[in-house]
């Protein structure tokens, strides 16, 4: 019983430390604070996103199917 409690405590401490280190590894968003940044599907885009014809068609299709334009713009710029 005591070993299980110690193991749980160690796992909790490691988990908390992992959360802190993960946030420390993230880039500073101070430089992007003034920009319009959004993240979807682990992809971040800031400011106005330049799209090619294929990506614009992807956005139009996704919006027609119910996705927000902001999300469609980010996802189509990354995956189309």
Protein backbone atom coordinates (compact mmCIF):
# COMPACT_ATOMS: atom_id res chain seq x y z
CA UNK A 1 0.00 0.00 0.00
CA UNK A 2 2.80 2.37 0.95
CA UNK A 3 4.68 1.65 -2.31
CA UNK A 4 1.55 2.35 -4.35
CA UNK A 5 1.06 5.69 -2.60
CA UNK A 6 4.68 6.65 -3.15
CA UNK A 7 4.45 5.65 -6.81
CA UNK A 8 1.33 7.76 -7.24
CA UNK A 9 3.00 10.71 -5.54
CA UNK A 10 6.06 10.42 -7.79
CA UNK A 11 3.85 10.21 -10.88
CA UNK A 12 1.95 13.32 -9.78
CA UNK A 13 5.16 15.29 -9.19
CA UNK A 14 6.58 14.22 -12.54
CA UNK A 15 3.30 15.15 -14.21
CA UNK A 16 3.30 18.60 -12.64
CA UNK A 17 6.95 19.15 -13.51
CA UNK A 18 6.25 18.02 -17.05
CA UNK A 19 3.46 20.57 -17.44
CA UNK A 20 5.74 23.34 -16.25
CA UNK A 21 8.57 22.38 -18.55
CA UNK A 22 6.24 21.99 -21.51
CA UNK A 23 4.93 25.51 -21.11
CA UNK A 24 8.47 26.81 -20.71
CA UNK A 25 9.42 25.19 -24.01
CA UNK A 26 6.67 27.03 -25.86
CA UNK A 27 7.78 30.10 -27.81
CA UNK A 28 6.96 33.46 -26.32
CA UNK A 29 3.73 34.86 -27.64
CA UNK A 30 4.69 38.43 -26.71
CA UNK A 31 5.84 39.16 -30.24
CA UNK A 32 2.56 37.79 -31.62
CA UNK A 33 0.34 39.51 -29.04
CA UNK A 34 -0.48 42.28 -31.50
CA UNK A 35 -1.12 39.88 -34.37
CA UNK A 36 -4.21 37.84 -35.07
CA UNK A 37 -2.94 34.34 -34.24
CA UNK A 38 -4.94 31.13 -34.19
CA UNK A 39 -4.07 27.47 -33.72
CA UNK A 40 -6.03 24.51 -35.06
CA UNK A 41 -4.84 20.91 -35.51
CA UNK A 42 -1.50 21.88 -33.93
CA UNK A 43 -0.88 24.48 -36.65
CA UNK A 44 -0.53 28.16 -35.76
CA UNK A 45 -0.94 30.99 -38.24
CA UNK A 46 -0.63 34.69 -37.43
CA UNK A 47 -1.76 37.69 -39.41
CA UNK A 48 -3.29 37.41 -42.84
CA UNK A 49 -2.68 33.98 -44.35
CA UNK A 50 -1.72 33.92 -48.03
CA UNK A 51 -3.49 31.10 -49.87
CA UNK A 52 -3.04 29.66 -53.34
CA UNK A 53 -5.98 28.69 -55.57
CA UNK A 54 -6.17 25.12 -54.25
CA UNK A 55 -6.16 26.33 -50.64
CA UNK A 56 -8.86 28.94 -51.35
CA UNK A 57 -11.04 26.22 -52.89
CA UNK A 58 -10.44 24.09 -49.79
CA UNK A 59 -11.52 26.98 -47.54
CA UNK A 60 -14.68 27.59 -49.59
CA UNK A 61 -15.61 23.91 -49.43
CA UNK A 62 -14.92 23.63 -45.70
CA UNK A 63 -16.94 26.77 -44.91
CA UNK A 64 -19.83 25.47 -47.01
CA UNK A 65 -19.73 22.28 -44.92
CA UNK A 66 -19.98 24.28 -41.68
CA UNK A 67 -16.39 24.95 -40.57
CA UNK A 68 -15.53 28.50 -39.52
CA UNK A 69 -13.55 30.47 -42.05
CA UNK A 70 -10.73 31.12 -39.56
CA UNK A 71 -10.27 27.41 -38.89
CA UNK A 72 -10.62 26.46 -42.55
CA UNK A 73 -7.97 29.02 -43.50
CA UNK A 74 -5.45 27.58 -41.04
CA UNK A 75 -6.15 23.93 -41.83
CA UNK A 76 -6.28 24.40 -45.60
CA UNK A 77 -3.05 26.42 -45.60
CA UNK A 78 -1.35 23.56 -43.77
CA UNK A 79 -2.91 20.47 -45.32
CA UNK A 80 -4.23 21.36 -48.80
